[in-house]
PDB file of N, CA and C in Angstrom:
ATOM      1  N   MET A   1      14.227   0.530 -20.201  1.00  0.00           N
ATOM      2  CA  MET A   1      13.271   1.425 -19.563  1.00  0.00           C
ATOM      3  C   MET A   1      13.421   2.801 -20.217  1.00  0.00           C
ATOM      4  N   ASN A   2      12.313   3.318 -20.719  1.00  0.00           N
ATOM      5  CA  ASN A   2      12.387   4.621 -21.370  1.00  0.00           C
ATOM      6  C   ASN A   2      12.232   5.758 -20.352  1.00  0.00           C
ATOM      7  N   GLU A   3      12.337   6.973 -20.835  1.00  0.00           N
ATOM      8  CA  GLU A   3      12.333   8.149 -19.960  1.00  0.00           C
ATOM      9  C   GLU A   3      11.017   8.305 -19.196  1.00  0.00           C
ATOM     10  N   ALA A   4       9.891   8.022 -19.850  1.00  0.00           N
ATOM     11  CA  ALA A   4       8.589   8.150 -19.191  1.00  0.00           C
ATOM     12  C   ALA A   4       8.457   7.163 -18.037  1.00  0.00           C
ATOM     13  N   GLN A   5       8.964   5.955 -18.226  1.00  0.00           N
ATOM     14  CA  GLN A   5       8.901   4.951 -17.159  1.00  0.00           C
ATOM     15  C   GLN A   5       9.790   5.347 -15.988  1.00  0.00           C
ATOM     16  N   VAL A   6      10.938   5.941 -16.283  1.00  0.00           N
ATOM     17  CA  VAL A   6      11.835   6.402 -15.223  1.00  0.00           C
ATOM     18  C   VAL A   6      11.161   7.498 -14.403  1.00  0.00           C
ATOM     19  N   LYS A   7      10.509   8.443 -15.078  1.00  0.00           N
ATOM     20  CA  LYS A   7       9.802   9.529 -14.377  1.00  0.00           C
ATOM     21  C   LYS A   7       8.675   8.973 -13.518  1.00  0.00           C
ATOM     22  N   LEU A   8       7.962   7.975 -14.040  1.00  0.00           N
ATOM     23  CA  LEU A   8       6.874   7.353 -13.299  1.00  0.00           C
ATOM     24  C   LEU A   8       7.400   6.676 -12.038  1.00  0.00           C
ATOM     25  N   LYS A   9       8.495   5.930 -12.161  1.00  0.00           N
ATOM     26  CA  LYS A   9       9.106   5.259 -11.002  1.00  0.00           C
ATOM     27  C   LYS A   9       9.612   6.274  -9.988  1.00  0.00           C
ATOM     28  N   ARG A  10      10.168   7.373 -10.466  1.00  0.00           N
ATOM     29  CA  ARG A  10      10.654   8.423  -9.572  1.00  0.00           C
ATOM     30  C   ARG A  10       9.495   9.028  -8.776  1.00  0.00           C
ATOM     31  N   THR A  11       8.391   9.291  -9.461  1.00  0.00           N
ATOM     32  CA  THR A  11       7.209   9.838  -8.785  1.00  0.00           C
ATOM     33  C   THR A  11       6.694   8.859  -7.740  1.00  0.00           C
ATOM     34  N   GLU A  12       6.645   7.579  -8.092  1.00  0.00           N
ATOM     35  CA  GLU A  12       6.180   6.565  -7.146  1.00  0.00           C
ATOM     36  C   GLU A  12       7.072   6.503  -5.912  1.00  0.00           C
ATOM     37  N   SER A  13       8.380   6.584  -6.110  1.00  0.00           N
ATOM     38  CA  SER A  13       9.288   6.511  -4.953  1.00  0.00           C
ATOM     39  C   SER A  13       9.186   7.763  -4.086  1.00  0.00           C
ATOM     40  N   ILE A  14       8.969   8.911  -4.704  1.00  0.00           N
ATOM     41  CA  ILE A  14       8.784  10.146  -3.927  1.00  0.00           C
ATOM     42  C   ILE A  14       7.517  10.040  -3.092  1.00  0.00           C
ATOM     43  N   LEU A  15       6.442   9.562  -3.709  1.00  0.00           N
ATOM     44  CA  LEU A  15       5.180   9.413  -2.983  1.00  0.00           C
ATOM     45  C   LEU A  15       5.290   8.381  -1.866  1.00  0.00           C
ATOM     46  N   LEU A  16       6.090   7.345  -2.082  1.00  0.00           N
ATOM     47  CA  LEU A  16       6.291   6.313  -1.064  1.00  0.00           C
ATOM     48  C   LEU A  16       6.936   6.905   0.193  1.00  0.00           C
ATOM     49  N   GLU A  17       7.704   7.963   0.031  1.00  0.00           N
ATOM     50  CA  GLU A  17       8.302   8.648   1.173  1.00  0.00           C
ATOM     51  C   GLU A  17       7.369   9.709   1.758  1.00  0.00           C
ATOM     52  N   LEU A  18       6.664  10.420   0.885  1.00  0.00           N
ATOM     53  CA  LEU A  18       5.842  11.552   1.332  1.00  0.00           C
ATOM     54  C   LEU A  18       4.556  11.140   2.038  1.00  0.00           C
ATOM     55  N   ILE A  19       3.918  10.073   1.592  1.00  0.00           N
ATOM     56  CA  ILE A  19       2.623   9.694   2.160  1.00  0.00           C
ATOM     57  C   ILE A  19       2.741   9.309   3.635  1.00  0.00           C
ATOM     58  N   PRO A  20       3.725   8.472   4.035  1.00  0.00           N
ATOM     59  CA  PRO A  20       3.858   8.198   5.482  1.00  0.00           C
ATOM     60  C   PRO A  20       4.180   9.454   6.296  1.00  0.00           C
ATOM     61  N   GLU A  21       4.946  10.354   5.688  1.00  0.00           N
ATOM     62  CA  GLU A  21       5.258  11.621   6.349  1.00  0.00           C
ATOM     63  C   GLU A  21       3.974  12.425   6.566  1.00  0.00           C
ATOM     64  N   ALA A  22       3.107  12.458   5.547  1.00  0.00           N
ATOM     65  CA  ALA A  22       1.834  13.175   5.652  1.00  0.00           C
ATOM     66  C   ALA A  22       0.918  12.513   6.678  1.00  0.00           C
ATOM     67  N   LEU A  23       0.908  11.183   6.706  1.00  0.00           N
ATOM     68  CA  LEU A  23       0.083  10.467   7.692  1.00  0.00           C
ATOM     69  C   LEU A  23       0.567  10.776   9.107  1.00  0.00           C
ATOM     70  N   GLY A  24       1.868  10.891   9.286  1.00  0.00           N
ATOM     71  CA  GLY A  24       2.425  11.207  10.598  1.00  0.00           C
ATOM     72  C   GLY A  24       2.109  12.616  11.049  1.00  0.00           C
ATOM     73  N   ALA A  25       1.847  13.502  10.109  1.00  0.00           N
ATOM     74  CA  ALA A  25       1.544  14.888  10.445  1.00  0.00           C
ATOM     75  C   ALA A  25       0.066  15.099  10.797  1.00  0.00           C
ATOM     76  N   LEU A  26      -0.766  14.101  10.542  1.00  0.00           N
ATOM     77  CA  LEU A  26      -2.199  14.235  10.837  1.00  0.00           C
ATOM     78  C   LEU A  26      -2.459  14.146  12.337  1.00  0.00           C
ATOM     79  N   ASN A  27      -3.576  14.709  12.765  1.00  0.00           N
ATOM     80  CA  ASN A  27      -3.927  14.703  14.185  1.00  0.00           C
ATOM     81  C   ASN A  27      -4.429  13.351  14.672  1.00  0.00           C
ATOM     82  N   ASP A  28      -4.948  12.533  13.770  1.00  0.00           N
ATOM     83  CA  ASP A  28      -5.511  11.240  14.156  1.00  0.00           C
ATOM     84  C   ASP A  28      -4.375  10.238  14.378  1.00  0.00           C
ATOM     85  N   LYS A  29      -4.169   9.841  15.619  1.00  0.00           N
ATOM     86  CA  LYS A  29      -3.066   8.944  15.987  1.00  0.00           C
ATOM     87  C   LYS A  29      -3.220   7.558  15.360  1.00  0.00           C
ATOM     88  N   ARG A  30      -4.450   7.147  15.048  1.00  0.00           N
ATOM     89  CA  ARG A  30      -4.672   5.830  14.465  1.00  0.00           C
ATOM     90  C   ARG A  30      -3.993   5.696  13.102  1.00  0.00           C
ATOM     91  N   LEU A  31      -3.937   6.784  12.352  1.00  0.00           N
ATOM     92  CA  LEU A  31      -3.345   6.741  11.017  1.00  0.00           C
ATOM     93  C   LEU A  31      -1.820   6.698  11.068  1.00  0.00           C
ATOM     94  N   HIS A  32      -1.239   7.018  12.213  1.00  0.00           N
ATOM     95  CA  HIS A  32       0.219   7.001  12.340  1.00  0.00           C
ATOM     96  C   HIS A  32       0.773   5.585  12.272  1.00  0.00           C
ATOM     97  N   GLU A  33      -0.028   4.595  12.627  1.00  0.00           N
ATOM     98  CA  GLU A  33       0.472   3.219  12.682  1.00  0.00           C
ATOM     99  C   GLU A  33       0.370   2.477  11.353  1.00  0.00           C
ATOM    100  N   LEU A  34      -0.172   3.113  10.321  1.00  0.00           N
ATOM    101  CA  LEU A  34      -0.290   2.471   9.013  1.00  0.00           C
ATOM    102  C   LEU A  34       1.048   2.495   8.277  1.00  0.00           C
ATOM    103  N   ASN A  35       1.379   1.384   7.625  1.00  0.00           N
ATOM    104  CA  ASN A  35       2.611   1.286   6.843  1.00  0.00           C
ATOM    105  C   ASN A  35       2.269   1.242   5.368  1.00  0.00           C
ATOM    106  N   VAL A  36       2.895   2.111   4.603  1.00  0.00           N
ATOM    107  CA  VAL A  36       2.704   2.128   3.155  1.00  0.00           C
ATOM    108  C   VAL A  36       3.704   1.159   2.540  1.00  0.00           C
ATOM    109  N   ILE A  37       3.189   0.181   1.811  1.00  0.00           N
ATOM    110  CA  ILE A  37       4.044  -0.831   1.196  1.00  0.00           C
ATOM    111  C   ILE A  37       4.492  -0.398  -0.193  1.00  0.00           C
ATOM    112  N   GLU A  38       3.541   0.103  -0.977  1.00  0.00           N
ATOM    113  CA  GLU A  38       3.835   0.410  -2.372  1.00  0.00           C
ATOM    114  C   GLU A  38       2.890   1.480  -2.874  1.00  0.00           C
ATOM    115  N   VAL A  39       3.346   2.247  -3.866  1.00  0.00           N
ATOM    116  CA  VAL A  39       2.516   3.223  -4.542  1.00  0.00           C
ATOM    117  C   VAL A  39       2.632   2.948  -6.031  1.00  0.00           C
ATOM    118  N   LYS A  40       1.492   2.799  -6.695  1.00  0.00           N
ATOM    119  CA  LYS A  40       1.475   2.557  -8.138  1.00  0.00           C
ATOM    120  C   LYS A  40       0.699   3.685  -8.814  1.00  0.00           C
ATOM    121  N   CYS A  41       1.393   4.445  -9.652  1.00  0.00           N
ATOM    122  CA  CYS A  41       0.756   5.543 -10.376  1.00  0.00           C
ATOM    123  C   CYS A  41       0.257   5.058 -11.732  1.00  0.00           C
ATOM    124  N   SER A  42      -0.806   5.699 -12.209  1.00  0.00           N
ATOM    125  CA  SER A  42      -1.274   5.409 -13.558  1.00  0.00           C
ATOM    126  C   SER A  42      -0.275   6.026 -14.541  1.00  0.00           C
ATOM    127  N   ARG A  43      -0.394   5.668 -15.787  1.00  0.00           N
ATOM    128  CA  ARG A  43       0.590   6.125 -16.767  1.00  0.00           C
ATOM    129  C   ARG A  43       0.640   7.645 -16.868  1.00  0.00           C
ATOM    130  N   GLY A  44      -0.503   8.302 -16.774  1.00  0.00           N
ATOM    131  CA  GLY A  44      -0.540   9.754 -16.864  1.00  0.00           C
ATOM    132  C   GLY A  44      -0.320  10.444 -15.535  1.00  0.00           C
ATOM    133  N   LYS A  45      -0.087   9.687 -14.488  1.00  0.00           N
ATOM    134  CA  LYS A  45       0.136  10.178 -13.125  1.00  0.00           C
ATOM    135  C   LYS A  45      -1.056  10.953 -12.569  1.00  0.00           C
ATOM    136  N   SER A  46      -2.254  10.681 -13.086  1.00  0.00           N
ATOM    137  CA  SER A  46      -3.430  11.360 -12.562  1.00  0.00           C
ATOM    138  C   SER A  46      -4.022  10.608 -11.372  1.00  0.00           C
ATOM    139  N   ASP A  47      -3.765   9.319 -11.295  1.00  0.00           N
ATOM    140  CA  ASP A  47      -4.261   8.494 -10.193  1.00  0.00           C
ATOM    141  C   ASP A  47      -3.113   7.669  -9.622  1.00  0.00           C
ATOM    142  N   ALA A  48      -3.226   7.375  -8.333  1.00  0.00           N
ATOM    143  CA  ALA A  48      -2.219   6.528  -7.692  1.00  0.00           C
ATOM    144  C   ALA A  48      -2.905   5.632  -6.671  1.00  0.00           C
ATOM    145  N   LYS A  49      -2.564   4.351  -6.711  1.00  0.00           N
ATOM    146  CA  LYS A  49      -3.062   3.415  -5.703  1.00  0.00           C
ATOM    147  C   LYS A  49      -1.993   3.287  -4.635  1.00  0.00           C
ATOM    148  N   VAL A  50      -2.417   3.466  -3.402  1.00  0.00           N
ATOM    149  CA  VAL A  50      -1.514   3.366  -2.267  1.00  0.00           C
ATOM    150  C   VAL A  50      -1.841   2.067  -1.543  1.00  0.00           C
ATOM    151  N   TYR A  51      -0.879   1.150  -1.508  1.00  0.00           N
ATOM    152  CA  TYR A  51      -1.076  -0.151  -0.878  1.00  0.00           C
ATOM    153  C   TYR A  51      -0.539  -0.102   0.550  1.00  0.00           C
ATOM    154  N   LEU A  52      -1.382  -0.520   1.468  1.00  0.00           N
ATOM    155  CA  LEU A  52      -1.051  -0.483   2.890  1.00  0.00           C
ATOM    156  C   LEU A  52      -0.839  -1.891   3.427  1.00  0.00           C
ATOM    157  N   ASP A  53      -0.030  -1.993   4.465  1.00  0.00           N
ATOM    158  CA  ASP A  53       0.231  -3.276   5.107  1.00  0.00           C
ATOM    159  C   ASP A  53      -0.992  -3.668   5.943  1.00  0.00           C
ATOM    160  N   PRO A  54      -1.603  -4.826   5.653  1.00  0.00           N
ATOM    161  CA  PRO A  54      -2.791  -5.220   6.411  1.00  0.00           C
ATOM    162  C   PRO A  54      -2.486  -5.617   7.849  1.00  0.00           C
ATOM    163  N   ALA A  55      -1.218  -5.923   8.145  1.00  0.00           N
ATOM    164  CA  ALA A  55      -0.773  -6.318   9.495  1.00  0.00           C
ATOM    165  C   ALA A  55      -1.759  -7.316  10.089  1.00  0.00           C
ATOM    166  N   SER A  56      -2.271  -7.017  11.255  1.00  0.00           N
ATOM    167  CA  SER A  56      -3.216  -7.934  11.900  1.00  0.00           C
ATOM    168  C   SER A  56      -4.561  -7.244  12.118  1.00  0.00           C
ATOM    169  N   PHE A  57      -4.936  -6.391  11.188  1.00  0.00           N
ATOM    170  CA  PHE A  57      -6.204  -5.674  11.315  1.00  0.00           C
ATOM    171  C   PHE A  57      -7.368  -6.571  10.914  1.00  0.00           C
ATOM    172  N   SER A  58      -8.468  -6.430  11.632  1.00  0.00           N
ATOM    173  CA  SER A  58      -9.689  -7.150  11.263  1.00  0.00           C
ATOM    174  C   SER A  58     -10.350  -6.434  10.087  1.00  0.00           C
ATOM    175  N   ASP A  59     -11.356  -7.063   9.510  1.00  0.00           N
ATOM    176  CA  ASP A  59     -12.059  -6.449   8.384  1.00  0.00           C
ATOM    177  C   ASP A  59     -12.737  -5.150   8.798  1.00  0.00           C
ATOM    178  N   GLU A  60     -13.286  -5.108  10.009  1.00  0.00           N
ATOM    179  CA  GLU A  60     -13.928  -3.886  10.510  1.00  0.00           C
ATOM    180  C   GLU A  60     -12.914  -2.756  10.640  1.00  0.00           C
ATOM    181  N   GLU A  61     -11.759  -3.081  11.189  1.00  0.00           N
ATOM    182  CA  GLU A  61     -10.712  -2.070  11.345  1.00  0.00           C
ATOM    183  C   GLU A  61     -10.241  -1.559   9.987  1.00  0.00           C
ATOM    184  N   LYS A  62     -10.129  -2.467   9.025  1.00  0.00           N
ATOM    185  CA  LYS A  62      -9.716  -2.053   7.684  1.00  0.00           C
ATOM    186  C   LYS A  62     -10.712  -1.067   7.081  1.00  0.00           C
ATOM    187  N   LYS A  63     -12.000  -1.357   7.250  1.00  0.00           N
ATOM    188  CA  LYS A  63     -13.036  -0.449   6.738  1.00  0.00           C
ATOM    189  C   LYS A  63     -12.938   0.917   7.405  1.00  0.00           C
ATOM    190  N   THR A  64     -12.678   0.911   8.704  1.00  0.00           N
ATOM    191  CA  THR A  64     -12.545   2.161   9.451  1.00  0.00           C
ATOM    192  C   THR A  64     -11.359   2.963   8.933  1.00  0.00           C
ATOM    193  N   TYR A  65     -10.229   2.283   8.744  1.00  0.00           N
ATOM    194  CA  TYR A  65      -9.036   2.969   8.252  1.00  0.00           C
ATOM    195  C   TYR A  65      -9.245   3.526   6.845  1.00  0.00           C
ATOM    196  N   ILE A  66      -9.908   2.769   5.989  1.00  0.00           N
ATOM    197  CA  ILE A  66     -10.155   3.244   4.622  1.00  0.00           C
ATOM    198  C   ILE A  66     -11.037   4.483   4.639  1.00  0.00           C
ATOM    199  N   SER A  67     -12.062   4.491   5.482  1.00  0.00           N
ATOM    200  CA  SER A  67     -12.933   5.678   5.544  1.00  0.00           C
ATOM    201  C   SER A  67     -12.179   6.880   6.114  1.00  0.00           C
ATOM    202  N   LEU A  68     -11.308   6.641   7.100  1.00  0.00           N
ATOM    203  CA  LEU A  68     -10.488   7.735   7.636  1.00  0.00           C
ATOM    204  C   LEU A  68      -9.543   8.289   6.571  1.00  0.00           C
ATOM    205  N   LEU A  69      -8.970   7.397   5.789  1.00  0.00           N
ATOM    206  CA  LEU A  69      -8.050   7.831   4.742  1.00  0.00           C
ATOM    207  C   LEU A  69      -8.766   8.581   3.625  1.00  0.00           C
ATOM    208  N   LYS A  70      -9.996   8.186   3.327  1.00  0.00           N
ATOM    209  CA  LYS A  70     -10.773   8.911   2.312  1.00  0.00           C
ATOM    210  C   LYS A  70     -11.016  10.348   2.763  1.00  0.00           C
ATOM    211  N   LYS A  71     -11.288  10.518   4.051  1.00  0.00           N
ATOM    212  CA  LYS A  71     -11.507  11.865   4.583  1.00  0.00           C
ATOM    213  C   LYS A  71     -10.212  12.680   4.608  1.00  0.00           C
ATOM    214  N   ALA A  72      -9.084  12.011   4.857  1.00  0.00           N
ATOM    215  CA  ALA A  72      -7.794  12.697   4.968  1.00  0.00           C
ATOM    216  C   ALA A  72      -7.100  12.867   3.613  1.00  0.00           C
ATOM    217  N   ARG A  73      -7.643  12.275   2.572  1.00  0.00           N
ATOM    218  CA  ARG A  73      -7.003  12.302   1.251  1.00  0.00           C
ATOM    219  C   ARG A  73      -6.647  13.701   0.765  1.00  0.00           C
ATOM    220  N   PRO A  74      -7.554  14.694   0.837  1.00  0.00           N
ATOM    221  CA  PRO A  74      -7.173  16.043   0.372  1.00  0.00           C
ATOM    222  C   PRO A  74      -5.988  16.635   1.153  1.00  0.00           C
ATOM    223  N   ILE A  75      -5.925  16.347   2.433  1.00  0.00           N
ATOM    224  CA  ILE A  75      -4.825  16.867   3.249  1.00  0.00           C
ATOM    225  C   ILE A  75      -3.509  16.214   2.830  1.00  0.00           C
ATOM    226  N   ILE A  76      -3.549  14.907   2.585  1.00  0.00           N
ATOM    227  CA  ILE A  76      -2.343  14.178   2.171  1.00  0.00           C
ATOM    228  C   ILE A  76      -1.872  14.674   0.799  1.00  0.00           C
ATOM    229  N   GLU A  77      -2.814  14.871  -0.110  1.00  0.00           N
ATOM    230  CA  GLU A  77      -2.459  15.359  -1.447  1.00  0.00           C
ATOM    231  C   GLU A  77      -1.875  16.764  -1.374  1.00  0.00           C
ATOM    232  N   THR A  78      -2.450  17.622  -0.537  1.00  0.00           N
ATOM    233  CA  THR A  78      -1.933  18.977  -0.370  1.00  0.00           C
ATOM    234  C   THR A  78      -0.519  18.957   0.194  1.00  0.00           C
ATOM    235  N   HIS A  79      -0.266  18.053   1.139  1.00  0.00           N
ATOM    236  CA  HIS A  79       1.073  17.918   1.710  1.00  0.00           C
ATOM    237  C   HIS A  79       2.086  17.566   0.614  1.00  0.00           C
ATOM    238  N   CYS A  80       1.725  16.631  -0.256  1.00  0.00           N
ATOM    239  CA  CYS A  80       2.624  16.227  -1.341  1.00  0.00           C
ATOM    240  C   CYS A  80       2.846  17.366  -2.332  1.00  0.00           C
ATOM    241  N   LEU A  81       1.788  18.097  -2.634  1.00  0.00           N
ATOM    242  CA  LEU A  81       1.914  19.234  -3.546  1.00  0.00           C
ATOM    243  C   LEU A  81       2.872  20.283  -3.000  1.00  0.00           C
ATOM    244  N   LYS A  82       2.670  20.647  -1.751  1.00  0.00           N
ATOM    245  CA  LYS A  82       3.501  21.693  -1.150  1.00  0.00           C
ATOM    246  C   LYS A  82       4.950  21.251  -1.010  1.00  0.00           C
ATOM    247  N   ASP A  83       5.167  20.014  -0.629  1.00  0.00           N
ATOM    248  CA  ASP A  83       6.520  19.526  -0.414  1.00  0.00           C
ATOM    249  C   ASP A  83       7.328  19.497  -1.711  1.00  0.00           C
ATOM    250  N   GLN A  84       6.706  19.063  -2.790  1.00  0.00           N
ATOM    251  CA  GLN A  84       7.421  18.913  -4.060  1.00  0.00           C
ATOM    252  C   GLN A  84       7.269  20.111  -4.990  1.00  0.00           C
ATOM    253  N   GLY A  85       6.320  21.007  -4.691  1.00  0.00           N
ATOM    254  CA  GLY A  85       6.097  22.157  -5.565  1.00  0.00           C
ATOM    255  C   GLY A  85       5.451  21.764  -6.885  1.00  0.00           C
ATOM    256  N   TRP A  86       4.703  20.670  -6.867  1.00  0.00           N
ATOM    257  CA  TRP A  86       4.041  20.194  -8.071  1.00  0.00           C
ATOM    258  C   TRP A  86       2.836  21.068  -8.391  1.00  0.00           C
ATOM    259  N   TYR A  87       2.454  21.053  -9.660  1.00  0.00           N
ATOM    260  CA  TYR A  87       1.247  21.747 -10.099  1.00  0.00           C
ATOM    261  C   TYR A  87       0.021  20.899  -9.775  1.00  0.00           C
ATOM    262  N   ARG A  88       0.172  19.581  -9.916  1.00  0.00           N
ATOM    263  CA  ARG A  88      -0.927  18.657  -9.711  1.00  0.00           C
ATOM    264  C   ARG A  88      -0.411  17.411  -9.009  1.00  0.00           C
ATOM    265  N   CYS A  89      -1.267  16.853  -8.178  1.00  0.00           N
ATOM    266  CA  CYS A  89      -0.912  15.638  -7.442  1.00  0.00           C
ATOM    267  C   CYS A  89      -1.876  14.529  -7.878  1.00  0.00           C
ATOM    268  N   PRO A  90      -1.407  13.302  -7.933  1.00  0.00           N
ATOM    269  CA  PRO A  90      -2.328  12.206  -8.282  1.00  0.00           C
ATOM    270  C   PRO A  90      -3.451  12.075  -7.252  1.00  0.00           C
ATOM    271  N   ASN A  91      -4.589  11.604  -7.716  1.00  0.00           N
ATOM    272  CA  ASN A  91      -5.697  11.295  -6.806  1.00  0.00           C
ATOM    273  C   ASN A  91      -5.412   9.939  -6.177  1.00  0.00           C
ATOM    274  N   PHE A  92      -5.349   9.918  -4.855  1.00  0.00           N
ATOM    275  CA  PHE A  92      -4.988   8.696  -4.163  1.00  0.00           C
ATOM    276  C   PHE A  92      -6.205   7.822  -3.893  1.00  0.00           C
ATOM    277  N   THR A  93      -6.027   6.525  -4.065  1.00  0.00           N
ATOM    278  CA  THR A  93      -6.980   5.538  -3.570  1.00  0.00           C
ATOM    279  C   THR A  93      -6.182   4.590  -2.687  1.00  0.00           C
ATOM    280  N   PHE A  94      -6.738   4.288  -1.537  1.00  0.00           N
ATOM    281  CA  PHE A  94      -6.037   3.485  -0.545  1.00  0.00           C
ATOM    282  C   PHE A  94      -6.620   2.078  -0.507  1.00  0.00           C
ATOM    283  N   GLU A  95      -5.730   1.079  -0.475  1.00  0.00           N
ATOM    284  CA  GLU A  95      -6.140  -0.321  -0.394  1.00  0.00           C
ATOM    285  C   GLU A  95      -5.182  -1.052   0.519  1.00  0.00           C
ATOM    286  N   PHE A  96      -5.700  -2.079   1.173  1.00  0.00           N
ATOM    287  CA  PHE A  96      -4.828  -2.952   1.939  1.00  0.00           C
ATOM    288  C   PHE A  96      -4.311  -4.028   0.994  1.00  0.00           C
ATOM    289  N   ASP A  97      -3.014  -4.267   1.014  1.00  0.00           N
ATOM    290  CA  ASP A  97      -2.386  -5.217   0.109  1.00  0.00           C
ATOM    291  C   ASP A  97      -2.586  -6.638   0.622  1.00  0.00           C
ATOM    292  N   GLU A  98      -3.339  -7.417  -0.126  1.00  0.00           N
ATOM    293  CA  GLU A  98      -3.636  -8.792   0.274  1.00  0.00           C
ATOM    294  C   GLU A  98      -2.757  -9.807  -0.453  1.00  0.00           C
ATOM    295  N   GLN A  99      -1.830  -9.357  -1.277  1.00  0.00           N
ATOM    296  CA  GLN A  99      -0.974 -10.260  -2.035  1.00  0.00           C
ATOM    297  C   GLN A  99      -0.135 -11.163  -1.134  1.00  0.00           C
ATOM    298  N   LEU A 100       0.406 -10.609  -0.054  1.00  0.00           N
ATOM    299  CA  LEU A 100       1.245 -11.392   0.846  1.00  0.00           C
ATOM    300  C   LEU A 100       0.437 -12.538   1.462  1.00  0.00           C
ATOM    301  N   LYS A 101      -0.785 -12.225   1.881  1.00  0.00           N
ATOM    302  CA  LYS A 101      -1.643 -13.250   2.467  1.00  0.00           C
ATOM    303  C   LYS A 101      -1.974 -14.339   1.446  1.00  0.00           C
ATOM    304  N   LYS A 102      -2.235 -13.933   0.203  1.00  0.00           N
ATOM    305  CA  LYS A 102      -2.544 -14.899  -0.848  1.00  0.00           C
ATOM    306  C   LYS A 102      -1.346 -15.795  -1.138  1.00  0.00           C
ATOM    307  N   SER A 103      -0.167 -15.196  -1.213  1.00  0.00           N
ATOM    308  CA  SER A 103       1.013 -16.004  -1.520  1.00  0.00           C
ATOM    309  C   SER A 103       1.346 -16.954  -0.376  1.00  0.00           C
ATOM    310  N   GLN A 104       1.116 -16.521   0.860  1.00  0.00           N
ATOM    311  CA  GLN A 104       1.358 -17.403   1.999  1.00  0.00           C
ATOM    312  C   GLN A 104       0.389 -18.586   1.992  1.00  0.00           C
ATOM    313  N   SER A 105      -0.865 -18.332   1.662  1.00  0.00           N
ATOM    314  CA  SER A 105      -1.830 -19.436   1.628  1.00  0.00           C
ATOM    315  C   SER A 105      -1.510 -20.399   0.479  1.00  0.00           C
ATOM    316  N   MET A 106      -1.016 -19.873  -0.635  1.00  0.00           N
ATOM    317  CA  MET A 106      -0.633 -20.752  -1.747  1.00  0.00           C
ATOM    318  C   MET A 106       0.571 -21.604  -1.364  1.00  0.00           C
ATOM    319  N   GLU A 107       1.539 -21.004  -0.682  1.00  0.00           N
ATOM    320  CA  GLU A 107       2.710 -21.773  -0.247  1.00  0.00           C
ATOM    321  C   GLU A 107       2.301 -22.868   0.738  1.00  0.00           C
ATOM    322  N   GLU A 108       1.342 -22.551   1.584  1.00  0.00           N
ATOM    323  CA  GLU A 108       0.847 -23.543   2.536  1.00  0.00           C
ATOM    324  C   GLU A 108       0.178 -24.709   1.799  1.00  0.00           C
ATOM    325  N   LEU A 109      -0.590 -24.399   0.767  1.00  0.00           N
ATOM    326  CA  LEU A 109      -1.217 -25.448  -0.038  1.00  0.00           C
ATOM    327  C   LEU A 109      -0.165 -26.332  -0.716  1.00  0.00           C
ATOM    328  N   PHE A 110       0.876 -25.701  -1.245  1.00  0.00           N
ATOM    329  CA  PHE A 110       1.940 -26.474  -1.885  1.00  0.00           C
ATOM    330  C   PHE A 110       2.632 -27.399  -0.888  1.00  0.00           C
ATOM    331  N   ARG A 111       2.833 -26.919   0.350  1.00  0.00           N
ATOM    332  CA  ARG A 111       3.453 -27.754   1.384  1.00  0.00           C
ATOM    333  C   ARG A 111       2.568 -28.959   1.699  1.00  0.00           C
ATOM    334  N   LYS A 112       1.250 -28.739   1.775  1.00  0.00           N
ATOM    335  CA  LYS A 112       0.321 -29.844   2.050  1.00  0.00           C
ATOM    336  C   LYS A 112       0.345 -30.877   0.927  1.00  0.00           C
ATOM    337  N   ILE A 113       0.395 -30.382  -0.295  1.00  0.00           N
ATOM    338  CA  ILE A 113       0.430 -31.280  -1.442  1.00  0.00           C
ATOM    339  C   ILE A 113       1.718 -32.093  -1.435  1.00  0.00           C
ATOM    340  N   ALA A 114       2.822 -31.461  -1.092  1.00  0.00           N
ATOM    341  CA  ALA A 114       4.118 -32.148  -1.072  1.00  0.00           C
ATOM    342  C   ALA A 114       4.163 -33.224   0.010  1.00  0.00           C
ATOM    343  N   LYS A 115       3.443 -33.022   1.122  1.00  0.00           N
ATOM    344  CA  LYS A 115       3.443 -33.985   2.216  1.00  0.00           C
ATOM    345  C   LYS A 115       2.567 -35.206   1.947  1.00  0.00           C
ATOM    346  N   GLU A 116       1.564 -35.033   1.090  1.00  0.00           N
ATOM    347  CA  GLU A 116       0.635 -36.131   0.821  1.00  0.00           C
ATOM    348  C   GLU A 116       1.347 -37.281   0.111  1.00  0.00           C
ATOM    349  N   PRO A 117       1.075 -38.519   0.550  1.00  0.00           N
ATOM    350  CA  PRO A 117       1.682 -39.669  -0.145  1.00  0.00           C
ATOM    351  C   PRO A 117       1.047 -39.863  -1.514  1.00  0.00           C
ATOM    352  N   GLN A 118       1.853 -40.305  -2.447  1.00  0.00           N
ATOM    353  CA  GLN A 118       1.334 -40.446  -3.806  1.00  0.00           C
ATOM    354  C   GLN A 118       1.059 -41.840  -4.202  1.00  0.00           C
TER     355      GLN A 118
END
């Protein structure tokens, strides 16, 4: 791992701590219950994808949360800037992480295949 990759990972881990803190500081209580699973920054650190735990939210609720987060994005970015003293903060995009659900459904398919007589 070279120096640039280490800096990128460090930034991602800092953001993984700061974003939930910023969400907790917002006035909207609905955003307090969101869990940040992972943050992935682009190579130049100009953009960052924030992956959220889908928990048991319906599709409608997910859309509502995404629109709330889009509105709160400047506040969250400002919080990160002030906390770290950075000159620039990545532009956040929020997504619900569906990888866990996909892997669970694949494991279920494998179990069904294993049970079938050959």
